[in-house]
Amino acid sequence: MASIITDLKTAFRRGNIYIQLIYINVGVFIVTTLTGVILQLFNRSLDGVFEWLELPASFTRFTVQPWSLFSYMFMHAGLLHILFNMLWLYWFGALFLTFFSAKHLRGVYILGGICGGLLYMAAYHVFPYFSKMIDDSFMLGASASVLAIVAATAYREPNYPIRLFLLGMIRLKYLALIVIGTDLLFITSSNAGGHIAHLGGALAGLCFAAGLSKGKDLTAWINKILDAIISLFSFKPRKPKMKVHYGNSRQKDYDYNAHKKAQSEEIDRILDKLKKSGYESLTTEEKKSLFDASKR
């Protein structure tokens, strides 16, 4: 078991940012699902607890659980829900990194989720159709975040060819339009909140790509916050401080320099004697000193 956990940690660290996001989503899904199953065996339920991680349509409820604007984008309602979201994240995450950076993908994922969640809450309060549903409506899922990645990539490379099963080759811009159009058509369906959030995520992705083409990065503030949080929780051992003994060091340097100076003066004296009186006039010790100096 320990080796499996180690392998997963290694794969997470080495994986691209979209792989890491998939790991986080799947990890949260497994933990919440297993917890629910275990409690159900004891005739207990966590439905009310999980609502604190889901995004409420009610602004009143949101004021007491503001973290849900972030947590909801990592929660999923079932196996098919997370499967399709993670497949889209895997396909378009890899394509996104062809044109943008890993930090941009991380930021767009969060930005899309935030914008999708805010539009979802706003729509439920603006349109009378949703007024009776506000108090009992909650949203979860990574769809808005994934749609932001799709929309940003489609804006950057609208004519990029995508091969779809049964449909064949289609340009990316048309795929994005089909997805967004479908959300508009089903905005009053049983999953109205999800479709509204998709539109908010797609809008966030388009604004990001358009802004970046003009030199403005809408994800910069998100990445600054995330980097600060990561650095806060990354515990790295401190390197031991080097002990410097200034007194001994200075004394050693002084002795070394004095010795070198004495050697230099001695060689100069021997060379002067050699020049004046010849090699035979040198003593054995002087000849040895001259020979040693020639080897240095």
C-alpha atoms as a PDB file:
ATOM      1  CA  MET A   1       0.000   0.000   0.000  1.00  0.00           C
ATOM      2  CA  ALA A   2       2.834   2.376   0.865  1.00  0.00           C
ATOM      3  CA  SER A   3       4.504   1.735  -2.509  1.00  0.00           C
ATOM      4  CA  ILE A   4       1.241   2.493  -4.341  1.00  0.00           C
ATOM      5  CA  ILE A   5       0.887   5.810  -2.528  1.00  0.00           C
ATOM      6  CA  THR A   6       4.533   6.617  -3.306  1.00  0.00           C
ATOM      7  CA  ASP A   7       3.980   5.805  -6.998  1.00  0.00           C
ATOM      8  CA  LEU A   8       0.902   8.037  -7.090  1.00  0.00           C
ATOM      9  CA  LYS A   9       2.795  10.900  -5.462  1.00  0.00           C
ATOM     10  CA  THR A  10       5.621  10.526  -7.986  1.00  0.00           C
ATOM     11  CA  ALA A  11       3.198  10.421 -10.920  1.00  0.00           C
ATOM     12  CA  PHE A  12       1.422  13.506  -9.570  1.00  0.00           C
ATOM     13  CA  ARG A  13       4.652  15.498  -9.223  1.00  0.00           C
ATOM     14  CA  ARG A  14       5.903  14.508 -12.669  1.00  0.00           C
ATOM     15  CA  GLY A  15       2.589  14.946 -14.463  1.00  0.00           C
ATOM     16  CA  ASN A  16       1.504  17.973 -16.481  1.00  0.00           C
ATOM     17  CA  ILE A  17      -0.810  20.470 -14.822  1.00  0.00           C
ATOM     18  CA  TYR A  18      -3.944  18.952 -16.395  1.00  0.00           C
ATOM     19  CA  ILE A  19      -2.869  15.512 -15.135  1.00  0.00           C
ATOM     20  CA  GLN A  20      -2.475  16.977 -11.649  1.00  0.00           C
ATOM     21  CA  LEU A  21      -5.951  18.534 -11.861  1.00  0.00           C
ATOM     22  CA  ILE A  22      -7.355  15.167 -12.923  1.00  0.00           C
ATOM     23  CA  TYR A  23      -5.620  13.519  -9.945  1.00  0.00           C
ATOM     24  CA  ILE A  24      -7.141  16.089  -7.579  1.00  0.00           C
ATOM     25  CA  ASN A  25     -10.649  15.677  -9.002  1.00  0.00           C
ATOM     26  CA  VAL A  26     -10.474  11.878  -8.966  1.00  0.00           C
ATOM     27  CA  GLY A  27      -8.981  11.882  -5.457  1.00  0.00           C
ATOM     28  CA  VAL A  28     -11.775  14.081  -4.103  1.00  0.00           C
ATOM     29  CA  PHE A  29     -14.378  11.916  -5.852  1.00  0.00           C
ATOM     30  CA  ILE A  30     -12.963   8.682  -4.393  1.00  0.00           C
ATOM     31  CA  VAL A  31     -12.728  10.080  -0.860  1.00  0.00           C
ATOM     32  CA  THR A  32     -16.246  11.552  -0.851  1.00  0.00           C
ATOM     33  CA  THR A  33     -17.795   8.470  -2.479  1.00  0.00           C
ATOM     34  CA  LEU A  34     -16.082   6.002  -0.138  1.00  0.00           C
ATOM     35  CA  THR A  35     -17.031   8.095   2.871  1.00  0.00           C
ATOM     36  CA  GLY A  36     -20.645   8.111   1.738  1.00  0.00           C
ATOM     37  CA  VAL A  37     -20.666   4.343   1.181  1.00  0.00           C
ATOM     38  CA  ILE A  38     -19.171   3.587   4.595  1.00  0.00           C
ATOM     39  CA  LEU A  39     -21.643   5.866   6.379  1.00  0.00           C
ATOM     40  CA  GLN A  40     -24.541   4.406   4.417  1.00  0.00           C
ATOM     41  CA  LEU A  41     -23.651   0.965   5.767  1.00  0.00           C
ATOM     42  CA  PHE A  42     -24.363   2.397   9.218  1.00  0.00           C
ATOM     43  CA  ASN A  43     -27.565   4.114   8.045  1.00  0.00           C
ATOM     44  CA  ARG A  44     -25.886   7.493   8.099  1.00  0.00           C
ATOM     45  CA  SER A  45     -25.629  10.135   5.378  1.00  0.00           C
ATOM     46  CA  LEU A  46     -23.254  12.978   4.516  1.00  0.00           C
ATOM     47  CA  ASP A  47     -25.564  14.719   2.053  1.00  0.00           C
ATOM     48  CA  GLY A  48     -26.003  17.715   4.306  1.00  0.00           C
ATOM     49  CA  VAL A  49     -22.253  17.895   4.940  1.00  0.00           C
ATOM     50  CA  PHE A  50     -21.297  17.725   1.250  1.00  0.00           C
ATOM     51  CA  GLU A  51     -23.644  20.639   0.544  1.00  0.00           C
ATOM     52  CA  TRP A  52     -21.109  22.812   2.326  1.00  0.00           C
ATOM     53  CA  LEU A  53     -18.657  22.014  -0.485  1.00  0.00           C
ATOM     54  CA  GLU A  54     -21.206  22.530  -3.273  1.00  0.00           C
ATOM     55  CA  LEU A  55     -22.096  25.979  -4.629  1.00  0.00           C
ATOM     56  CA  PRO A  56     -25.547  27.196  -3.521  1.00  0.00           C
ATOM     57  CA  ALA A  57     -27.727  29.318  -5.786  1.00  0.00           C
ATOM     58  CA  SER A  58     -28.777  31.379  -2.785  1.00  0.00           C
ATOM     59  CA  PHE A  59     -26.606  34.402  -2.040  1.00  0.00           C
ATOM     60  CA  THR A  60     -27.695  34.158   1.606  1.00  0.00           C
ATOM     61  CA  ARG A  61     -26.374  30.601   1.898  1.00  0.00           C
ATOM     62  CA  PHE A  62     -23.245  31.555  -0.043  1.00  0.00           C
ATOM     63  CA  THR A  63     -22.305  34.220   2.514  1.00  0.00           C
ATOM     64  CA  VAL A  64     -21.776  31.488   5.136  1.00  0.00           C
ATOM     65  CA  GLN A  65     -19.848  29.158   2.803  1.00  0.00           C
ATOM     66  CA  PRO A  66     -17.858  31.395   0.416  1.00  0.00           C
ATOM     67  CA  TRP A  67     -15.215  28.681  -0.056  1.00  0.00           C
ATOM     68  CA  SER A  68     -17.768  26.710  -2.090  1.00  0.00           C
ATOM     69  CA  LEU A  69     -17.050  28.982  -5.084  1.00  0.00           C
ATOM     70  CA  PHE A  70     -13.714  27.161  -5.216  1.00  0.00           C
ATOM     71  CA  SER A  71     -14.514  23.727  -3.794  1.00  0.00           C
ATOM     72  CA  TYR A  72     -17.523  23.018  -6.037  1.00  0.00           C
ATOM     73  CA  MET A  73     -15.327  22.771  -9.148  1.00  0.00           C
ATOM     74  CA  PHE A  74     -13.614  19.673  -7.711  1.00  0.00           C
ATOM     75  CA  MET A  75     -16.817  17.867  -6.660  1.00  0.00           C
ATOM     76  CA  HIS A  76     -18.793  15.433  -8.842  1.00  0.00           C
ATOM     77  CA  ALA A  77     -22.183  13.766  -8.518  1.00  0.00           C
ATOM     78  CA  GLY A  78     -21.411  10.378 -10.057  1.00  0.00           C
ATOM     79  CA  LEU A  79     -19.058   8.225 -12.104  1.00  0.00           C
ATOM     80  CA  LEU A  80     -20.286   9.360 -15.537  1.00  0.00           C
ATOM     81  CA  HIS A  81     -20.215  12.980 -14.412  1.00  0.00           C
ATOM     82  CA  ILE A  82     -16.542  12.893 -13.477  1.00  0.00           C
ATOM     83  CA  LEU A  83     -15.621  10.565 -16.368  1.00  0.00           C
ATOM     84  CA  PHE A  84     -16.779  12.905 -19.127  1.00  0.00           C
ATOM     85  CA  ASN A  85     -15.383  16.004 -17.402  1.00  0.00           C
ATOM     86  CA  MET A  86     -11.974  14.402 -16.944  1.00  0.00           C
ATOM     87  CA  LEU A  87     -11.899  13.121 -20.538  1.00  0.00           C
ATOM     88  CA  TRP A  88     -12.517  16.639 -21.821  1.00  0.00           C
ATOM     89  CA  LEU A  89      -9.921  18.006 -19.423  1.00  0.00           C
ATOM     90  CA  TYR A  90      -7.406  15.412 -20.620  1.00  0.00           C
ATOM     91  CA  TRP A  91      -7.974  16.057 -24.342  1.00  0.00           C
ATOM     92  CA  PHE A  92      -8.204  19.821 -24.272  1.00  0.00           C
ATOM     93  CA  GLY A  93      -5.712  20.275 -21.446  1.00  0.00           C
ATOM     94  CA  ALA A  94      -3.010  18.761 -23.652  1.00  0.00           C
ATOM     95  CA  LEU A  95      -4.117  20.924 -26.602  1.00  0.00           C
ATOM     96  CA  PHE A  96      -4.225  24.046 -24.414  1.00  0.00           C
ATOM     97  CA  LEU A  97      -0.581  23.531 -23.396  1.00  0.00           C
ATOM     98  CA  THR A  98       0.414  23.600 -27.069  1.00  0.00           C
ATOM     99  CA  PHE A  99      -0.435  27.312 -27.163  1.00  0.00           C
ATOM    100  CA  PHE A 100      -0.328  28.452 -23.526  1.00  0.00           C
ATOM    101  CA  SER A 101       1.677  27.757 -20.374  1.00  0.00           C
ATOM    102  CA  ALA A 102       0.946  25.400 -17.488  1.00  0.00           C
ATOM    103  CA  LYS A 103       0.270  28.341 -15.160  1.00  0.00           C
ATOM    104  CA  HIS A 104      -2.215  29.715 -17.653  1.00  0.00           C
ATOM    105  CA  LEU A 105      -4.084  26.399 -17.649  1.00  0.00           C
ATOM    106  CA  ARG A 106      -4.160  26.330 -13.873  1.00  0.00           C
ATOM    107  CA  GLY A 107      -5.419  29.904 -13.783  1.00  0.00           C
ATOM    108  CA  VAL A 108      -8.027  29.408 -16.524  1.00  0.00           C
ATOM    109  CA  TYR A 109      -9.391  26.332 -14.744  1.00  0.00           C
ATOM    110  CA  ILE A 110      -9.968  28.368 -11.566  1.00  0.00           C
ATOM    111  CA  LEU A 111     -11.131  31.490 -13.448  1.00  0.00           C
ATOM    112  CA  GLY A 112     -13.645  29.480 -15.466  1.00  0.00           C
ATOM    113  CA  GLY A 113     -15.008  27.843 -12.337  1.00  0.00           C
ATOM    114  CA  ILE A 114     -15.365  31.188 -10.550  1.00  0.00           C
ATOM    115  CA  CYS A 115     -17.067  32.933 -13.467  1.00  0.00           C
ATOM    116  CA  GLY A 116     -19.342  29.956 -14.091  1.00  0.00           C
ATOM    117  CA  GLY A 117     -20.359  29.876 -10.438  1.00  0.00           C
ATOM    118  CA  LEU A 118     -21.015  33.610 -10.254  1.00  0.00           C
ATOM    119  CA  LEU A 119     -23.134  33.568 -13.424  1.00  0.00           C
ATOM    120  CA  TYR A 120     -25.078  30.601 -12.053  1.00  0.00           C
ATOM    121  CA  MET A 121     -25.941  32.448  -8.830  1.00  0.00           C
ATOM    122  CA  ALA A 122     -26.702  35.701 -10.658  1.00  0.00           C
ATOM    123  CA  ALA A 123     -29.030  34.019 -13.183  1.00  0.00           C
ATOM    124  CA  TYR A 124     -31.024  32.294 -10.442  1.00  0.00           C
ATOM    125  CA  HIS A 125     -31.679  35.677  -8.825  1.00  0.00           C
ATOM    126  CA  VAL A 126     -32.276  37.684 -12.015  1.00  0.00           C
ATOM    127  CA  PHE A 127     -34.702  35.423 -13.895  1.00  0.00           C
ATOM    128  CA  PRO A 128     -38.119  34.809 -12.255  1.00  0.00           C
ATOM    129  CA  TYR A 129     -38.170  31.288 -13.725  1.00  0.00           C
ATOM    130  CA  PHE A 130     -35.620  30.185 -11.101  1.00  0.00           C
ATOM    131  CA  SER A 131     -37.046  32.057  -8.100  1.00  0.00           C
ATOM    132  CA  LYS A 132     -38.739  28.995  -6.585  1.00  0.00           C
ATOM    133  CA  MET A 133     -35.595  26.887  -6.964  1.00  0.00           C
ATOM    134  CA  ILE A 134     -33.044  29.162  -5.299  1.00  0.00           C
ATOM    135  CA  ASP A 135     -33.156  27.795  -1.757  1.00  0.00           C
ATOM    136  CA  ASP A 136     -32.850  24.140  -2.774  1.00  0.00           C
ATOM    137  CA  SER A 137     -30.393  24.447  -5.663  1.00  0.00           C
ATOM    138  CA  PHE A 138     -26.720  23.511  -5.402  1.00  0.00           C
ATOM    139  CA  MET A 139     -24.127  23.016  -8.126  1.00  0.00           C
ATOM    140  CA  LEU A 140     -20.976  20.913  -8.409  1.00  0.00           C
ATOM    141  CA  GLY A 141     -18.624  19.767 -11.132  1.00  0.00           C
ATOM    142  CA  ALA A 142     -15.639  20.871 -13.215  1.00  0.00           C
ATOM    143  CA  SER A 143     -17.653  21.544 -16.385  1.00  0.00           C
ATOM    144  CA  ALA A 144     -17.376  25.348 -16.249  1.00  0.00           C
ATOM    145  CA  SER A 145     -13.616  25.111 -15.699  1.00  0.00           C
ATOM    146  CA  VAL A 146     -13.197  22.660 -18.581  1.00  0.00           C
ATOM    147  CA  LEU A 147     -15.335  24.792 -20.919  1.00  0.00           C
ATOM    148  CA  ALA A 148     -13.096  27.761 -20.128  1.00  0.00           C
ATOM    149  CA  ILE A 149     -10.093  25.741 -21.326  1.00  0.00           C
ATOM    150  CA  VAL A 150     -11.959  24.657 -24.480  1.00  0.00           C
ATOM    151  CA  ALA A 151     -13.106  28.213 -25.294  1.00  0.00           C
ATOM    152  CA  ALA A 152      -9.658  29.719 -24.729  1.00  0.00           C
ATOM    153  CA  THR A 153      -8.045  27.146 -27.014  1.00  0.00           C
ATOM    154  CA  ALA A 154     -10.739  27.656 -29.676  1.00  0.00           C
ATOM    155  CA  TYR A 155     -10.160  31.417 -29.606  1.00  0.00           C
ATOM    156  CA  ARG A 156      -6.398  30.964 -29.934  1.00  0.00           C
ATOM    157  CA  GLU A 157      -6.544  28.385 -32.755  1.00  0.00           C
ATOM    158  CA  PRO A 158     -10.087  28.461 -34.209  1.00  0.00           C
ATOM    159  CA  ASN A 159      -9.213  26.382 -37.287  1.00  0.00           C
ATOM    160  CA  TYR A 160      -7.401  23.628 -35.431  1.00  0.00           C
ATOM    161  CA  PRO A 161      -8.732  20.280 -36.746  1.00  0.00           C
ATOM    162  CA  ILE A 162     -10.386  17.925 -34.246  1.00  0.00           C
ATOM    163  CA  ARG A 163     -11.342  14.368 -35.171  1.00  0.00           C
ATOM    164  CA  LEU A 164     -14.589  13.232 -33.555  1.00  0.00           C
ATOM    165  CA  PHE A 165     -16.010   9.730 -33.458  1.00  0.00           C
ATOM    166  CA  LEU A 166     -18.666   9.268 -36.194  1.00  0.00           C
ATOM    167  CA  LEU A 167     -18.490  12.956 -37.180  1.00  0.00           C
ATOM    168  CA  GLY A 168     -14.966  12.914 -38.595  1.00  0.00           C
ATOM    169  CA  MET A 169     -12.818  16.054 -38.814  1.00  0.00           C
ATOM    170  CA  ILE A 170     -14.214  19.320 -37.472  1.00  0.00           C
ATOM    171  CA  ARG A 171     -12.590  22.667 -36.767  1.00  0.00           C
ATOM    172  CA  LEU A 172     -12.224  23.595 -33.123  1.00  0.00           C
ATOM    173  CA  LYS A 173     -14.273  26.790 -33.423  1.00  0.00           C
ATOM    174  CA  TYR A 174     -17.281  24.835 -34.638  1.00  0.00           C
ATOM    175  CA  LEU A 175     -16.971  22.332 -31.811  1.00  0.00           C
ATOM    176  CA  ALA A 176     -16.914  25.175 -29.289  1.00  0.00           C
ATOM    177  CA  LEU A 177     -19.952  26.797 -30.934  1.00  0.00           C
ATOM    178  CA  ILE A 178     -21.867  23.500 -30.833  1.00  0.00           C
ATOM    179  CA  VAL A 179     -21.154  23.045 -27.124  1.00  0.00           C
ATOM    180  CA  ILE A 180     -22.053  26.644 -26.243  1.00  0.00           C
ATOM    181  CA  GLY A 181     -25.160  26.514 -28.440  1.00  0.00           C
ATOM    182  CA  THR A 182     -26.304  23.326 -26.722  1.00  0.00           C
ATOM    183  CA  ASP A 183     -25.975  24.999 -23.326  1.00  0.00           C
ATOM    184  CA  LEU A 184     -28.121  27.910 -24.539  1.00  0.00           C
ATOM    185  CA  LEU A 185     -30.814  25.564 -25.836  1.00  0.00           C
ATOM    186  CA  PHE A 186     -31.037  23.648 -22.539  1.00  0.00           C
ATOM    187  CA  ILE A 187     -30.771  26.606 -20.177  1.00  0.00           C
ATOM    188  CA  THR A 188     -34.219  25.807 -18.716  1.00  0.00           C
ATOM    189  CA  SER A 189     -33.691  22.060 -18.434  1.00  0.00           C
ATOM    190  CA  SER A 190     -33.388  20.043 -15.226  1.00  0.00           C
ATOM    191  CA  ASN A 191     -29.657  20.849 -15.238  1.00  0.00           C
ATOM    192  CA  ALA A 192     -30.178  24.567 -15.805  1.00  0.00           C
ATOM    193  CA  GLY A 193     -27.502  25.568 -13.311  1.00  0.00           C
ATOM    194  CA  GLY A 194     -24.886  23.434 -15.043  1.00  0.00           C
ATOM    195  CA  HIS A 195     -25.659  24.896 -18.487  1.00  0.00           C
ATOM    196  CA  ILE A 196     -25.540  28.456 -17.138  1.00  0.00           C
ATOM    197  CA  ALA A 197     -22.204  27.731 -15.469  1.00  0.00           C
ATOM    198  CA  HIS A 198     -20.881  26.333 -18.775  1.00  0.00           C
ATOM    199  CA  LEU A 199     -21.667  29.654 -20.442  1.00  0.00           C
ATOM    200  CA  GLY A 200     -19.884  31.558 -17.673  1.00  0.00           C
ATOM    201  CA  GLY A 201     -16.832  29.311 -17.982  1.00  0.00           C
ATOM    202  CA  ALA A 202     -16.745  29.651 -21.767  1.00  0.00           C
ATOM    203  CA  LEU A 203     -17.014  33.434 -21.475  1.00  0.00           C
ATOM    204  CA  ALA A 204     -14.110  33.449 -19.000  1.00  0.00           C
ATOM    205  CA  GLY A 205     -11.971  31.405 -21.407  1.00  0.00           C
ATOM    206  CA  LEU A 206     -12.729  33.742 -24.309  1.00  0.00           C
ATOM    207  CA  CYS A 207     -11.933  36.832 -22.228  1.00  0.00           C
ATOM    208  CA  PHE A 208      -8.662  35.274 -21.066  1.00  0.00           C
ATOM    209  CA  ALA A 209      -7.478  34.413 -24.587  1.00  0.00           C
ATOM    210  CA  ALA A 210      -8.583  37.783 -25.997  1.00  0.00           C
ATOM    211  CA  GLY A 211      -6.914  39.660 -23.143  1.00  0.00           C
ATOM    212  CA  LEU A 212      -3.688  37.688 -23.418  1.00  0.00           C
ATOM    213  CA  SER A 213      -3.431  38.507 -27.125  1.00  0.00           C
ATOM    214  CA  LYS A 214      -3.373  42.164 -26.038  1.00  0.00           C
ATOM    215  CA  GLY A 215      -0.806  41.560 -23.300  1.00  0.00           C
ATOM    216  CA  LYS A 216      -3.214  41.340 -20.349  1.00  0.00           C
ATOM    217  CA  ASP A 217      -3.234  38.128 -18.302  1.00  0.00           C
ATOM    218  CA  LEU A 218      -6.540  37.702 -16.441  1.00  0.00           C
ATOM    219  CA  THR A 219      -5.153  34.733 -14.525  1.00  0.00           C
ATOM    220  CA  ALA A 220      -2.156  36.574 -13.033  1.00  0.00           C
ATOM    221  CA  TRP A 221      -3.890  37.348  -9.718  1.00  0.00           C
ATOM    222  CA  ILE A 222      -5.085  33.744  -9.366  1.00  0.00           C
ATOM    223  CA  ASN A 223      -1.611  32.337  -9.940  1.00  0.00           C
ATOM    224  CA  LYS A 224      -0.096  34.769  -7.434  1.00  0.00           C
ATOM    225  CA  ILE A 225      -2.501  33.575  -4.752  1.00  0.00           C
ATOM    226  CA  LEU A 226      -1.940  29.902  -5.608  1.00  0.00           C
ATOM    227  CA  ASP A 227       1.849  30.331  -5.615  1.00  0.00           C
ATOM    228  CA  ALA A 228       1.694  32.007  -2.209  1.00  0.00           C
ATOM    229  CA  ILE A 229      -0.434  29.165  -0.794  1.00  0.00           C
ATOM    230  CA  ILE A 230       1.847  26.486  -2.282  1.00  0.00           C
ATOM    231  CA  SER A 231       4.983  28.157  -0.899  1.00  0.00           C
ATOM    232  CA  LEU A 232       3.296  28.437   2.496  1.00  0.00           C
ATOM    233  CA  PHE A 233       2.658  24.701   2.702  1.00  0.00           C
ATOM    234  CA  SER A 234       5.856  23.464   1.052  1.00  0.00           C
ATOM    235  CA  PHE A 235       8.065  22.637   4.021  1.00  0.00           C
ATOM    236  CA  LYS A 236      11.656  22.497   2.813  1.00  0.00           C
ATOM    237  CA  PRO A 237      14.450  21.707   5.273  1.00  0.00           C
ATOM    238  CA  ARG A 238      16.718  24.629   5.944  1.00  0.00           C
ATOM    239  CA  LYS A 239      20.295  24.338   4.868  1.00  0.00           C
ATOM    240  CA  PRO A 240      22.765  24.398   7.768  1.00  0.00           C
ATOM    241  CA  LYS A 241      24.499  27.701   8.151  1.00  0.00           C
ATOM    242  CA  MET A 242      28.225  27.790   7.476  1.00  0.00           C
ATOM    243  CA  LYS A 243      30.279  28.684  10.474  1.00  0.00           C
ATOM    244  CA  VAL A 244      32.955  31.214   9.661  1.00  0.00           C
ATOM    245  CA  HIS A 245      35.791  31.757  12.104  1.00  0.00           C
ATOM    246  CA  TYR A 246      37.004  35.172  11.082  1.00  0.00           C
ATOM    247  CA  GLY A 247      39.879  35.325  13.542  1.00  0.00           C
ATOM    248  CA  ASN A 248      41.552  32.057  12.468  1.00  0.00           C
ATOM    249  CA  SER A 249      40.835  32.701   8.823  1.00  0.00           C
ATOM    250  CA  ARG A 250      42.425  36.126   8.860  1.00  0.00           C
ATOM    251  CA  GLN A 251      45.460  34.789  10.718  1.00  0.00           C
ATOM    252  CA  LYS A 252      45.897  31.966   8.199  1.00  0.00           C
ATOM    253  CA  ASP A 253      45.596  34.387   5.294  1.00  0.00           C
ATOM    254  CA  TYR A 254      48.186  36.673   6.885  1.00  0.00           C
ATOM    255  CA  ASP A 255      50.653  33.809   7.458  1.00  0.00           C
ATOM    256  CA  TYR A 256      50.147  32.489   3.925  1.00  0.00           C
ATOM    257  CA  ASN A 257      50.745  35.878   2.316  1.00  0.00           C
ATOM    258  CA  ALA A 258      53.807  36.497   4.447  1.00  0.00           C
ATOM    259  CA  HIS A 259      55.255  33.106   3.493  1.00  0.00           C
ATOM    260  CA  LYS A 260      54.626  33.751  -0.223  1.00  0.00           C
ATOM    261  CA  LYS A 261      56.273  37.136   0.005  1.00  0.00           C
ATOM    262  CA  ALA A 262      59.338  35.671   1.700  1.00  0.00           C
ATOM    263  CA  GLN A 263      59.642  32.987  -0.984  1.00  0.00           C
ATOM    264  CA  SER A 264      59.367  35.573  -3.725  1.00  0.00           C
ATOM    265  CA  GLU A 265      62.053  37.760  -2.178  1.00  0.00           C
ATOM    266  CA  GLU A 266      64.351  34.738  -1.755  1.00  0.00           C
ATOM    267  CA  ILE A 267      63.981  33.767  -5.422  1.00  0.00           C
ATOM    268  CA  ASP A 268      64.659  37.338  -6.511  1.00  0.00           C
ATOM    269  CA  ARG A 269      67.878  37.335  -4.444  1.00  0.00           C
ATOM    270  CA  ILE A 270      69.012  34.003  -5.930  1.00  0.00           C
ATOM    271  CA  LEU A 271      68.344  35.250  -9.479  1.00  0.00           C
ATOM    272  CA  ASP A 272      70.368  38.381  -8.837  1.00  0.00           C
ATOM    273  CA  LYS A 273      73.261  36.261  -7.578  1.00  0.00           C
ATOM    274  CA  LEU A 274      72.937  33.948 -10.585  1.00  0.00           C
ATOM    275  CA  LYS A 275      73.084  36.907 -12.922  1.00  0.00           C
ATOM    276  CA  LYS A 276      76.141  38.431 -11.274  1.00  0.00           C
ATOM    277  CA  SER A 277      78.238  35.375 -10.381  1.00  0.00           C
ATOM    278  CA  GLY A 278      76.898  32.459 -12.453  1.00  0.00           C
ATOM    279  CA  TYR A 279      75.282  29.161 -11.595  1.00  0.00           C
ATOM    280  CA  GLU A 280      78.358  27.669  -9.917  1.00  0.00           C
ATOM    281  CA  SER A 281      78.307  30.368  -7.262  1.00  0.00           C
ATOM    282  CA  LEU A 282      74.966  29.126  -5.916  1.00  0.00           C
ATOM    283  CA  THR A 283      74.847  26.893  -2.861  1.00  0.00           C
ATOM    284  CA  THR A 284      73.089  23.531  -2.865  1.00  0.00           C
ATOM    285  CA  GLU A 285      70.125  24.986  -1.008  1.00  0.00           C
ATOM    286  CA  GLU A 286      69.892  27.943  -3.426  1.00  0.00           C
ATOM    287  CA  LYS A 287      69.975  25.585  -6.434  1.00  0.00           C
ATOM    288  CA  LYS A 288      67.184  23.489  -4.862  1.00  0.00           C
ATOM    289  CA  SER A 289      65.045  26.573  -4.173  1.00  0.00           C
ATOM    290  CA  LEU A 290      65.484  27.766  -7.759  1.00  0.00           C
ATOM    291  CA  PHE A 291      64.573  24.307  -9.093  1.00  0.00           C
ATOM    292  CA  ASP A 292      61.446  24.122  -6.917  1.00  0.00           C
ATOM    293  CA  ALA A 293      60.359  27.599  -8.040  1.00  0.00           C
ATOM    294  CA  SER A 294      60.674  26.605 -11.701  1.00  0.00           C
ATOM    295  CA  LYS A 295      58.255  23.707 -11.096  1.00  0.00           C
ATOM    296  CA  ARG A 296      55.471  25.886  -9.581  1.00  0.00           C
END
